[in-house]
């Protein structure tokens, strides 16, 4: 709240104040921190958000509507001087315009109050106005001025609506229409320009929408796929991929709720271990490592995995470091960097759901179905191996025999060992 001296004005007789107002339109006020102007038409700039209510000397409140700049001119002999008053407050209810003495002094003007008059002296070092001064009339201990206010030019009109020259018409470039159309795709935007889909689409300049739109990049640009060098391992065990999956919502009869998969990059041969907890991965890996190294004659060189703690921390990490095996850990949340094993696990999940649906067995048999899918994948062709070659042959160096395969979950009759067969009892029993 800004205190100002208005009490002496309001104490004047209304007739006296009306007479003075006809001769003078402004007062120099010592207690006013900002210039206060009554007339809206005098403002060259107008900011309603900067309005500040003002407390008067007689404990009243003077409502302000906005803040802006005002200009007026006065005569100093034969010289006409234009004042630019910054940060003027607009108060239509003020009895008269108030010019702040403090604000003028901040701009190097010297105000001299005498018994008969008040004099405004311009700076002595001013190149043009040095030695000039403006006289104010002293009435009832108040300094009155008649300011010739300069109004801003009116806006241009054509008789019907106002045209604002400060808002130029933008050039109708294709990039502007791209934004107007809600960042429509390039092909659809070009179709709007070149075909008869709509009217009122006037555009100039080259039809070039190949420039990058930052807003489109932020809002709807998908992640670019990771680059893969397509270099596969040259021998079995040179590069392995592994990952874990679970827990599944239904436990197996053996209380298994996870499975861990490991895949050889060269042969595409896989192994899956059913687990009750992820901490069981370490002994499962040690068994696979020993088996594959013995069959291939090669040592494991590198393993590609994600950053799961059960894979790259603890006992498994210590074992890999002790064997000199390189751990290729993917970046966080970058699942596509581990895409080979991710796709294989997806194949297992799709396959075991299909086997359960075909056999009408409950979900508790999910582990048996997954082991079956791994067995089948190792014994059938894959697109990454040469023709007439299977993962089984790559590791075992022999053709797989599939004569023993039956429909998973089909009816079967299991033979009872002679040592266990009761006298006169059945030789087989039915199972599914």
Protein backbone atom coordinates (compact mmCIF):
# COMPACT_ATOMS: atom_id res chain seq x y z
CA UNK A 1 0.00 0.00 0.00
CA UNK A 2 1.39 3.42 -0.99
CA UNK A 3 0.55 6.40 1.32
CA UNK A 4 -0.27 9.68 -0.45
CA UNK A 5 -1.38 13.14 0.76
CA UNK A 6 -4.97 13.58 -0.35
CA UNK A 7 -6.51 14.97 2.81
CA UNK A 8 -5.79 18.61 1.93
CA UNK A 9 -7.56 18.18 -1.42
CA UNK A 10 -10.71 16.70 0.00
CA UNK A 11 -10.94 19.47 2.60
CA UNK A 12 -11.33 22.15 -0.12
CA UNK A 13 -14.82 23.49 -0.71
CA UNK A 14 -16.44 21.75 -3.71
CA UNK A 15 -17.01 25.10 -5.49
CA UNK A 16 -13.39 26.08 -4.94
CA UNK A 17 -12.15 22.69 -6.17
CA UNK A 18 -14.33 22.91 -9.29
CA UNK A 19 -12.91 26.37 -10.07
CA UNK A 20 -9.33 25.22 -9.61
CA UNK A 21 -9.92 22.14 -11.74
CA UNK A 22 -11.06 24.29 -14.64
CA UNK A 23 -7.68 26.09 -14.58
CA UNK A 24 -5.34 23.29 -13.55
CA UNK A 25 -5.46 19.52 -14.07
CA UNK A 26 -2.60 18.26 -11.93
CA UNK A 27 -0.97 18.68 -8.49
CA UNK A 28 2.61 18.09 -7.39
CA UNK A 29 2.33 15.72 -4.42
CA UNK A 30 5.16 15.06 -1.96
CA UNK A 31 3.53 11.99 -0.40
CA UNK A 32 2.73 10.15 -3.62
CA UNK A 33 5.22 7.49 -4.68
CA UNK A 34 3.66 6.94 -8.13
CA UNK A 35 1.97 9.31 -10.56
CA UNK A 36 -1.82 8.91 -10.45
CA UNK A 37 -3.85 9.73 -13.59
CA UNK A 38 -7.63 9.87 -13.87
CA UNK A 39 -8.24 9.61 -17.64
CA UNK A 40 -7.89 6.22 -19.37
CA UNK A 41 -7.41 7.80 -22.80
CA UNK A 42 -4.08 9.32 -21.71
CA UNK A 43 -2.29 5.99 -21.28
CA UNK A 44 0.16 4.88 -23.96
CA UNK A 45 0.65 1.49 -22.25
CA UNK A 46 -1.88 -0.21 -19.97
CA UNK A 47 -1.21 -3.24 -17.76
CA UNK A 48 -4.10 -4.29 -15.56
CA UNK A 49 -2.03 -7.00 -13.85
CA UNK A 50 0.23 -4.32 -12.29
CA UNK A 51 -2.56 -2.38 -10.58
CA UNK A 52 -1.92 -1.64 -6.86
CA UNK A 53 -4.51 -0.32 -4.36
CA UNK A 54 -3.42 2.91 -2.66
CA UNK A 55 -4.06 4.04 0.92
CA UNK A 56 -4.77 7.75 1.30
CA UNK A 57 -3.72 10.08 4.12
CA UNK A 58 -7.29 10.21 5.50
CA UNK A 59 -7.21 6.38 5.93
CA UNK A 60 -9.23 5.73 2.78
CA UNK A 61 -8.50 3.35 -0.10
CA UNK A 62 -8.11 4.59 -3.66
CA UNK A 63 -8.82 1.81 -6.18
CA UNK A 64 -6.36 1.46 -9.06
CA UNK A 65 -7.27 -0.24 -12.34
CA UNK A 66 -3.92 -0.51 -14.12
CA UNK A 67 -0.41 0.84 -14.52
CA UNK A 68 1.18 2.37 -17.63
CA UNK A 69 2.98 5.28 -19.27
CA UNK A 70 1.59 8.80 -19.81
CA UNK A 71 3.01 11.79 -21.74
CA UNK A 72 2.41 15.55 -21.36
CA UNK A 73 4.10 18.72 -22.52
CA UNK A 74 4.64 22.12 -20.90
CA UNK A 75 5.97 25.48 -22.13
CA UNK A 76 9.30 26.77 -20.81
CA UNK A 77 9.38 30.13 -22.45
CA UNK A 78 9.60 29.42 -26.13
CA UNK A 79 10.63 25.81 -25.57
CA UNK A 80 8.11 23.00 -25.43
CA UNK A 81 9.20 20.10 -23.20
CA UNK A 82 7.62 16.63 -23.33
CA UNK A 83 7.54 14.63 -20.07
CA UNK A 84 7.20 10.83 -20.16
CA UNK A 85 5.77 9.55 -16.88
CA UNK A 86 6.48 5.86 -16.32
CA UNK A 87 4.46 3.51 -14.07
CA UNK A 88 1.46 5.81 -13.71
CA UNK A 89 -1.49 4.38 -11.79
CA UNK A 90 -4.97 4.70 -13.29
CA UNK A 91 -7.50 5.88 -10.68
CA UNK A 92 -10.77 7.20 -12.20
CA UNK A 93 -12.07 8.16 -8.73
CA UNK A 94 -9.15 10.49 -7.94
CA UNK A 95 -10.28 14.14 -7.65
CA UNK A 96 -7.33 15.37 -9.77
CA UNK A 97 -4.15 14.05 -11.38
CA UNK A 98 -1.27 13.66 -8.92
CA UNK A 99 2.35 13.97 -10.03
CA UNK A 100 4.84 12.39 -7.67
CA UNK A 101 7.61 14.78 -6.58
CA UNK A 102 9.75 11.83 -5.46
CA UNK A 103 9.46 10.11 -8.85
CA UNK A 104 10.55 13.33 -10.61
CA UNK A 105 13.52 13.75 -8.30
CA UNK A 106 14.62 10.23 -9.05
CA UNK A 107 14.99 11.37 -12.68
CA UNK A 108 17.35 14.24 -11.69
CA UNK A 109 14.69 16.99 -11.63
CA UNK A 110 15.07 19.53 -8.80
CA UNK A 111 11.86 20.72 -7.11
CA UNK A 112 12.10 24.02 -5.22
CA UNK A 113 9.21 25.03 -2.97
CA UNK A 114 8.94 28.80 -2.36
CA UNK A 115 6.36 30.90 -0.51
CA UNK A 116 4.76 32.08 -3.74
CA UNK A 117 5.42 29.25 -6.19
CA UNK A 118 6.93 25.82 -6.79
CA UNK A 119 9.67 25.58 -9.41
CA UNK A 120 10.79 22.48 -11.30
CA UNK A 121 14.43 22.89 -12.43
CA UNK A 122 15.94 20.74 -15.14
CA UNK A 123 19.45 19.30 -14.59
CA UNK A 124 22.24 21.80 -15.06
CA UNK A 125 24.23 19.31 -17.10
CA UNK A 126 21.41 18.55 -19.56
CA UNK A 127 22.61 19.35 -23.12
CA UNK A 128 19.32 20.97 -24.19
CA UNK A 129 17.22 21.82 -21.12
CA UNK A 130 19.96 23.24 -18.89
CA UNK A 131 18.79 26.47 -17.24
CA UNK A 132 15.10 25.92 -18.02
CA UNK A 133 12.40 25.51 -15.38
CA UNK A 134 8.65 24.95 -15.01
CA UNK A 135 6.57 27.03 -12.58
CA UNK A 136 3.66 25.65 -10.62
CA UNK A 137 0.95 27.82 -9.04
CA UNK A 138 0.65 27.68 -5.24
CA UNK A 139 -2.98 27.73 -3.99
CA UNK A 140 -4.01 26.69 -0.48
CA UNK A 141 -0.51 25.28 0.07
CA UNK A 142 -0.91 23.01 -2.98
CA UNK A 143 1.21 23.23 -6.15
CA UNK A 144 -1.04 23.18 -9.23
CA UNK A 145 0.04 22.60 -12.84
CA UNK A 146 -1.75 22.69 -16.14
CA UNK A 147 -0.29 19.81 -18.14
CA UNK A 148 -1.00 19.49 -21.83
CA UNK A 149 -1.40 15.72 -21.91
CA UNK A 150 -0.58 13.93 -25.15
CA UNK A 151 -3.00 11.18 -26.09
CA UNK A 152 -1.82 8.09 -28.00
CA UNK A 153 -2.92 7.85 -31.66
CA UNK A 154 -6.25 6.04 -32.15
CA UNK A 155 -6.23 2.61 -33.84
CA UNK A 156 -6.92 2.47 -37.56
CA UNK A 157 -10.49 1.59 -38.49
CA UNK A 158 -12.32 0.78 -41.71
CA UNK A 159 -15.75 1.73 -40.33
CA UNK A 160 -16.75 -1.74 -39.13
CA UNK A 161 -13.97 -3.22 -37.04
CA UNK A 162 -10.67 -2.13 -35.54
CA UNK A 163 -7.44 -3.17 -37.22
CA UNK A 164 -4.41 -3.45 -34.94
CA UNK A 165 -1.18 -2.81 -36.86
CA UNK A 166 0.87 -4.12 -33.91
CA UNK A 167 -0.33 -7.67 -34.77
CA UNK A 168 1.06 -8.33 -38.26
CA UNK A 169 -0.44 -11.11 -40.35
CA UNK A 170 1.97 -14.07 -40.24
CA UNK A 171 3.33 -15.50 -43.46
CA UNK A 172 1.29 -18.55 -44.43
CA UNK A 173 4.19 -20.99 -44.56
CA UNK A 174 3.59 -24.79 -44.65
CA UNK A 175 5.31 -25.10 -41.26
CA UNK A 176 2.73 -22.69 -39.78
CA UNK A 177 -0.13 -24.78 -41.18
CA UNK A 178 1.54 -27.90 -39.77
CA UNK A 179 1.16 -26.37 -36.30
CA UNK A 180 -2.38 -25.12 -37.01
CA UNK A 181 -3.39 -28.64 -38.04
CA UNK A 182 -2.33 -30.03 -34.67
CA UNK A 183 1.06 -31.31 -35.92
CA UNK A 184 -0.57 -33.58 -38.48
CA UNK A 185 1.64 -36.10 -40.26
CA UNK A 186 3.66 -34.96 -43.27
CA UNK A 187 1.67 -36.94 -45.85
CA UNK A 188 -1.71 -35.81 -44.51
CA UNK A 189 -0.55 -32.17 -44.28
CA UNK A 190 0.68 -32.22 -47.89
CA UNK A 191 -2.65 -33.73 -48.96
CA UNK A 192 -4.54 -30.82 -47.34
CA UNK A 193 -2.37 -28.39 -49.35
CA UNK A 194 -2.43 -30.11 -52.74
CA UNK A 195 -5.89 -31.74 -52.88
CA UNK A 196 -9.46 -30.51 -52.57
CA UNK A 197 -10.07 -31.64 -48.99
CA UNK A 198 -10.89 -28.16 -47.61
CA UNK A 199 -11.06 -24.47 -48.52
CA UNK A 200 -9.32 -21.51 -46.93
CA UNK A 201 -5.88 -23.11 -46.83
CA UNK A 202 -3.69 -20.46 -48.43
CA UNK A 203 0.04 -21.08 -48.22
CA UNK A 204 3.21 -19.63 -49.68
CA UNK A 205 6.78 -20.81 -49.96
CA UNK A 206 8.22 -24.24 -50.72
CA UNK A 207 6.26 -27.29 -49.63
CA UNK A 208 9.09 -28.59 -47.46
CA UNK A 209 8.02 -30.33 -44.26
CA UNK A 210 11.14 -32.43 -43.86
CA UNK A 211 12.57 -30.11 -41.18
CA UNK A 212 12.47 -31.54 -37.69
CA UNK A 213 9.57 -30.36 -35.52
CA UNK A 214 10.73 -30.34 -31.90
CA UNK A 215 7.15 -30.56 -30.60
CA UNK A 216 6.48 -33.68 -32.71
CA UNK A 217 9.77 -35.16 -31.52
CA UNK A 218 8.79 -34.66 -27.88
CA UNK A 219 5.14 -35.59 -28.17
CA UNK A 220 4.85 -38.52 -30.57
CA UNK A 221 8.21 -39.67 -31.95
CA UNK A 222 8.71 -43.37 -31.11
CA UNK A 223 12.00 -44.80 -29.95
CA UNK A 224 14.26 -45.79 -32.83
CA UNK A 225 15.11 -49.52 -32.81
CA UNK A 226 18.54 -50.46 -31.55
CA UNK A 227 21.19 -51.13 -34.14
CA UNK A 228 22.38 -54.74 -34.19
CA UNK A 229 25.65 -55.59 -35.86
CA UNK A 230 24.30 -59.05 -36.86
CA UNK A 231 27.62 -60.67 -35.89
CA UNK A 232 26.91 -64.07 -34.38
CA UNK A 233 29.28 -66.11 -32.28
CA UNK A 234 31.68 -68.27 -34.29
CA UNK A 235 31.50 -71.31 -32.00
CA UNK A 236 29.33 -72.88 -29.32
CA UNK A 237 29.76 -71.31 -25.83
CA UNK A 238 31.46 -68.19 -27.20
CA UNK A 239 28.36 -66.14 -26.36
CA UNK A 240 25.37 -67.12 -24.20
CA UNK A 241 22.10 -65.26 -23.54
CA UNK A 242 20.17 -65.74 -20.32
CA UNK A 243 17.18 -64.30 -18.49
CA UNK A 244 14.62 -65.29 -15.87
CA UNK A 245 10.83 -65.13 -15.88
CA UNK A 246 8.23 -65.17 -13.10
CA UNK A 247 6.76 -65.51 -10.64
CA UNK A 248 3.74 -67.24 -12.17
CA UNK A 249 0.43 -66.82 -10.33
CA UNK A 250 -0.07 -70.59 -9.98
CA UNK A 251 2.53 -72.81 -8.33
CA UNK A 252 3.48 -76.16 -9.78
CA UNK A 253 2.97 -79.27 -7.62
CA UNK A 254 6.71 -79.03 -6.82
CA UNK A 255 6.26 -75.41 -5.65
CA UNK A 256 8.05 -73.96 -8.67
CA UNK A 257 7.04 -70.43 -9.65
CA UNK A 258 9.97 -69.22 -11.84
CA UNK A 259 11.94 -70.46 -14.79
CA UNK A 260 15.40 -69.52 -15.99
CA UNK A 261 16.41 -69.79 -19.65
CA UNK A 262 19.87 -69.82 -21.22
CA UNK A 263 20.48 -69.81 -24.99
CA UNK A 264 23.65 -70.41 -27.00
CA UNK A 265 24.16 -67.76 -29.70
CA UNK A 266 25.85 -70.03 -32.26
CA UNK A 267 23.68 -73.16 -32.11
CA UNK A 268 20.48 -71.62 -30.72
CA UNK A 269 20.40 -74.55 -28.30
CA UNK A 270 18.52 -73.69 -25.10
CA UNK A 271 18.10 -74.98 -21.59
CA UNK A 272 15.36 -74.10 -19.09
CA UNK A 273 15.40 -74.71 -15.36
CA UNK A 274 12.29 -74.50 -13.18
CA UNK A 275 12.97 -72.66 -9.92
CA UNK A 276 11.31 -72.16 -6.58
CA UNK A 277 13.30 -68.93 -6.05
CA UNK A 278 15.57 -66.79 -8.22
CA UNK A 279 18.47 -67.53 -5.89
CA UNK A 280 18.53 -71.06 -7.40
CA UNK A 281 19.90 -69.70 -10.70
CA UNK A 282 23.54 -70.08 -9.63
CA UNK A 283 23.61 -73.91 -9.25
CA UNK A 284 21.49 -74.25 -12.41
CA UNK A 285 24.00 -72.19 -14.41
CA UNK A 286 27.00 -74.12 -13.07
CA UNK A 287 25.40 -77.38 -14.27
CA UNK A 288 24.71 -75.99 -17.77
CA UNK A 289 28.17 -74.46 -18.07
CA UNK A 290 29.88 -77.73 -17.24
CA UNK A 291 27.65 -79.76 -19.60
CA UNK A 292 27.96 -77.48 -22.62
CA UNK A 293 31.70 -76.97 -22.24
CA UNK A 294 32.19 -80.75 -22.07
CA UNK A 295 30.07 -81.39 -25.18
CA UNK A 296 31.48 -78.56 -27.31
CA UNK A 297 35.07 -78.58 -26.14
CA UNK A 298 34.91 -74.78 -25.79
CA UNK A 299 34.91 -72.54 -22.75
CA UNK A 300 32.22 -69.94 -22.12
CA UNK A 301 33.59 -66.55 -23.16
CA UNK A 302 30.74 -64.03 -22.66
CA UNK A 303 27.18 -63.90 -21.37
CA UNK A 304 24.61 -61.35 -22.47
CA UNK A 305 22.01 -60.46 -19.79
CA UNK A 306 19.94 -57.66 -18.34
CA UNK A 307 20.75 -55.93 -15.05
CA UNK A 308 18.66 -58.20 -12.81
CA UNK A 309 20.44 -58.73 -9.48
CA UNK A 310 19.99 -62.49 -9.55
CA UNK A 311 22.00 -62.56 -12.82
CA UNK A 312 24.76 -59.99 -12.39
CA UNK A 313 25.24 -59.90 -8.62
CA UNK A 314 26.07 -62.27 -5.79
CA UNK A 315 27.53 -65.76 -6.22
CA UNK A 316 26.89 -65.90 -9.96
CA UNK A 317 28.80 -62.65 -10.54
CA UNK A 318 31.72 -63.88 -8.46
CA UNK A 319 31.80 -67.17 -10.38
CA UNK A 320 31.78 -65.46 -13.79
CA UNK A 321 34.61 -63.14 -12.76
CA UNK A 322 36.64 -66.06 -11.43
CA UNK A 323 36.25 -67.90 -14.76
CA UNK A 324 37.18 -64.82 -16.80
CA UNK A 325 33.72 -64.70 -18.42
CA UNK A 326 32.67 -61.30 -19.76
CA UNK A 327 29.30 -60.01 -18.51
CA UNK A 328 27.49 -58.01 -21.20
CA UNK A 329 24.83 -56.18 -19.15
CA UNK A 330 22.19 -54.18 -21.03
CA UNK A 331 21.22 -50.61 -20.15
CA UNK A 332 18.33 -50.12 -17.68
CA UNK A 333 14.88 -50.50 -19.29
CA UNK A 334 16.52 -51.24 -22.68
CA UNK A 335 14.85 -54.61 -23.14
CA UNK A 336 15.47 -54.59 -26.88
CA UNK A 337 19.21 -54.84 -26.25
CA UNK A 338 18.49 -58.30 -24.86
CA UNK A 339 16.07 -59.13 -27.65
CA UNK A 340 17.37 -62.63 -28.55
CA UNK A 341 16.53 -64.22 -25.20
CA UNK A 342 13.43 -62.02 -24.82
CA UNK A 343 12.02 -63.39 -28.09
CA UNK A 344 12.87 -66.94 -27.05
CA UNK A 345 11.05 -66.53 -23.72
CA UNK A 346 8.08 -65.10 -25.59
CA UNK A 347 8.08 -68.20 -27.79
CA UNK A 348 8.06 -70.40 -24.68
CA UNK A 349 5.19 -68.47 -23.10
CA UNK A 350 3.09 -68.59 -26.27
CA UNK A 351 3.87 -72.28 -26.68
CA UNK A 352 3.01 -73.44 -23.17
CA UNK A 353 -0.31 -71.56 -23.30
CA UNK A 354 -1.09 -73.36 -26.54
CA UNK A 355 -0.20 -76.76 -25.08
CA UNK A 356 -2.37 -76.13 -22.00
CA UNK A 357 -5.27 -75.09 -24.20
CA UNK A 358 -4.89 -78.20 -26.41
CA UNK A 359 -4.67 -80.61 -23.48
CA UNK A 360 -7.26 -78.89 -21.24
CA UNK A 361 -4.84 -79.27 -18.32
CA UNK A 362 -4.86 -76.74 -15.46
CA UNK A 363 -2.40 -73.87 -15.15
CA UNK A 364 -0.39 -75.79 -12.53
CA UNK A 365 1.19 -77.75 -15.42
CA UNK A 366 2.78 -74.63 -16.95
CA UNK A 367 6.30 -75.79 -16.04
CA UNK A 368 5.92 -79.16 -17.73
CA UNK A 369 4.58 -77.44 -20.84
CA UNK A 370 7.57 -75.07 -20.91
CA UNK A 371 10.06 -77.95 -20.61
CA UNK A 372 8.29 -79.63 -23.50
CA UNK A 373 8.51 -76.48 -25.62
CA UNK A 374 12.26 -76.17 -24.96
CA UNK A 375 12.80 -79.78 -25.94
CA UNK A 376 10.86 -79.30 -29.17
CA UNK A 377 12.68 -76.04 -30.04
CA UNK A 378 16.04 -77.79 -29.67
CA UNK A 379 15.00 -80.57 -32.06
CA UNK A 380 13.32 -78.63 -34.89
CA UNK A 381 14.71 -76.24 -37.56
CA UNK A 382 15.26 -72.56 -36.86
CA UNK A 383 15.71 -69.72 -39.34
CA UNK A 384 19.12 -68.65 -38.02
CA UNK A 385 20.79 -72.00 -38.76
CA UNK A 386 21.70 -73.45 -42.16
CA UNK A 387 19.23 -75.66 -43.96
CA UNK A 388 18.76 -79.22 -42.63
CA UNK A 389 20.39 -78.25 -39.32
CA UNK A 390 18.84 -78.12 -35.85
CA UNK A 391 20.20 -76.78 -32.54
CA UNK A 392 20.48 -80.37 -31.30
CA UNK A 393 22.77 -81.28 -34.20
CA UNK A 394 24.93 -78.18 -33.64
CA UNK A 395 25.65 -79.27 -30.07
CA UNK A 396 25.45 -83.07 -30.23
CA UNK A 397 26.79 -83.49 -33.83
CA UNK A 398 24.03 -85.96 -34.73
CA UNK A 399 20.55 -85.84 -36.23
CA UNK A 400 17.70 -85.78 -33.69
CA UNK A 401 15.26 -88.72 -33.57
CA UNK A 402 11.62 -87.60 -33.23
CA UNK A 403 9.93 -91.00 -33.39
CA UNK A 404 9.09 -90.95 -29.69
CA UNK A 405 7.07 -87.72 -29.79
CA UNK A 406 3.37 -87.81 -28.90
CA UNK A 407 0.72 -85.17 -28.40
CA UNK A 408 1.46 -83.40 -25.14
CA UNK A 409 -1.22 -84.30 -22.58
CA UNK A 410 -2.61 -87.25 -24.55
CA UNK A 411 -3.95 -90.42 -22.95
CA UNK A 412 -1.29 -93.03 -22.18
CA UNK A 413 -0.95 -96.40 -20.46
CA UNK A 414 2.09 -96.70 -18.24
CA UNK A 415 3.71 -100.14 -17.81
CA UNK A 416 4.07 -101.51 -14.27
CA UNK A 417 7.42 -103.13 -13.51
CA UNK A 418 7.25 -106.88 -13.06
CA UNK A 419 8.80 -106.55 -9.61
CA UNK A 420 5.95 -104.26 -8.61
CA UNK A 421 3.16 -106.05 -10.44
CA UNK A 422 0.77 -107.92 -8.08
CA UNK A 423 -0.09 -111.54 -8.70
CA UNK A 424 -2.94 -111.52 -11.20
CA UNK A 425 -2.88 -107.68 -11.23
CA UNK A 426 -2.94 -105.35 -14.27
CA UNK A 427 0.18 -104.84 -16.33
CA UNK A 428 -0.48 -101.11 -17.06
CA UNK A 429 -2.39 -98.19 -15.62
CA UNK A 430 -4.06 -95.27 -17.45
CA UNK A 431 -2.75 -91.72 -17.13
CA UNK A 432 -2.92 -88.36 -18.94
